[in-house]
């Protein structure tokens, strides 16, 4: 299992993968979670609220980014 989470002042990313295949990612432009799994596998769904959690994580990430930038000055 693999997870990517990060942010910048203007962008962000949250994604989960399994065996090198993307299983879920947060689409912050369309404000929803996306499960881009092929039709030939048993579909794996993430818990309800996963997108909202990703949005909250982005806010925390941006706040931490601001604090880190201030501390570096």
Protein backbone atom coordinates (compact mmCIF):
# COMPACT_ATOMS: atom_id res chain seq x y z
CA UNK A 1 0.00 0.00 0.00
CA UNK A 2 1.25 3.46 -0.88
CA UNK A 3 -0.01 6.94 0.01
CA UNK A 4 0.94 10.34 -1.32
CA UNK A 5 -0.17 13.51 0.44
CA UNK A 6 1.20 16.98 -0.01
CA UNK A 7 0.43 20.60 -0.73
CA UNK A 8 1.73 23.91 -1.96
CA UNK A 9 0.31 27.41 -1.69
CA UNK A 10 -1.94 26.76 -4.69
CA UNK A 11 -2.23 23.00 -5.16
CA UNK A 12 -2.51 19.71 -3.31
CA UNK A 13 -2.49 15.96 -3.70
CA UNK A 14 -3.84 12.96 -1.82
CA UNK A 15 -3.69 9.53 -3.43
CA UNK A 16 -3.73 5.89 -2.39
CA UNK A 17 -2.23 3.07 -4.47
CA UNK A 18 -1.83 -0.69 -4.18
CA UNK A 19 0.78 -2.72 -6.05
CA UNK A 20 1.67 0.30 -8.18
CA UNK A 21 -1.95 0.94 -9.23
CA UNK A 22 -3.84 4.06 -8.26
CA UNK A 23 -6.88 3.08 -6.15
CA UNK A 24 -8.23 6.47 -5.01
CA UNK A 25 -7.35 10.13 -5.34
CA UNK A 26 -8.85 13.43 -4.29
CA UNK A 27 -9.95 15.57 -7.23
CA UNK A 28 -9.79 19.00 -5.59
CA UNK A 29 -10.97 20.77 -8.76
CA UNK A 30 -14.25 18.81 -8.99
CA UNK A 31 -14.46 18.37 -5.21
CA UNK A 32 -14.82 14.59 -5.09
CA UNK A 33 -12.93 11.37 -4.53
CA UNK A 34 -12.15 9.32 -7.64
CA UNK A 35 -11.71 5.53 -7.74
CA UNK A 36 -10.03 4.91 -11.15
CA UNK A 37 -10.08 1.13 -10.96
CA UNK A 38 -10.38 -1.06 -14.06
CA UNK A 39 -13.67 -2.84 -14.67
CA UNK A 40 -12.11 -6.32 -14.57
CA UNK A 41 -11.31 -6.23 -10.83
CA UNK A 42 -13.56 -6.35 -7.79
CA UNK A 43 -14.16 -2.70 -7.02
CA UNK A 44 -12.57 -1.43 -3.79
CA UNK A 45 -14.35 1.55 -2.23
CA UNK A 46 -12.95 3.89 0.37
CA UNK A 47 -14.94 4.88 3.42
CA UNK A 48 -17.50 7.62 3.22
CA UNK A 49 -15.91 10.93 4.10
CA UNK A 50 -12.53 10.13 2.50
CA UNK A 51 -12.72 13.24 0.29
CA UNK A 52 -13.71 15.49 3.19
CA UNK A 53 -10.78 14.08 5.16
CA UNK A 54 -8.47 14.88 2.23
CA UNK A 55 -9.74 18.48 2.19
CA UNK A 56 -9.13 18.83 5.93
CA UNK A 57 -5.62 17.37 5.51
CA UNK A 58 -4.92 20.00 2.84
CA UNK A 59 -5.84 22.81 5.24
CA UNK A 60 -3.53 21.36 7.89
CA UNK A 61 -0.76 20.91 5.32
CA UNK A 62 -1.05 24.53 4.15
CA UNK A 63 -1.00 25.79 7.73
CA UNK A 64 2.12 23.71 8.45
CA UNK A 65 3.69 25.01 5.23
CA UNK A 66 3.12 28.62 6.38
CA UNK A 67 4.58 27.88 9.82
CA UNK A 68 7.63 26.18 8.28
CA UNK A 69 8.23 29.09 5.90
CA UNK A 70 8.01 31.54 8.78
CA UNK A 71 10.40 29.47 10.91
CA UNK A 72 12.93 29.29 8.05
CA UNK A 73 13.13 33.09 7.75
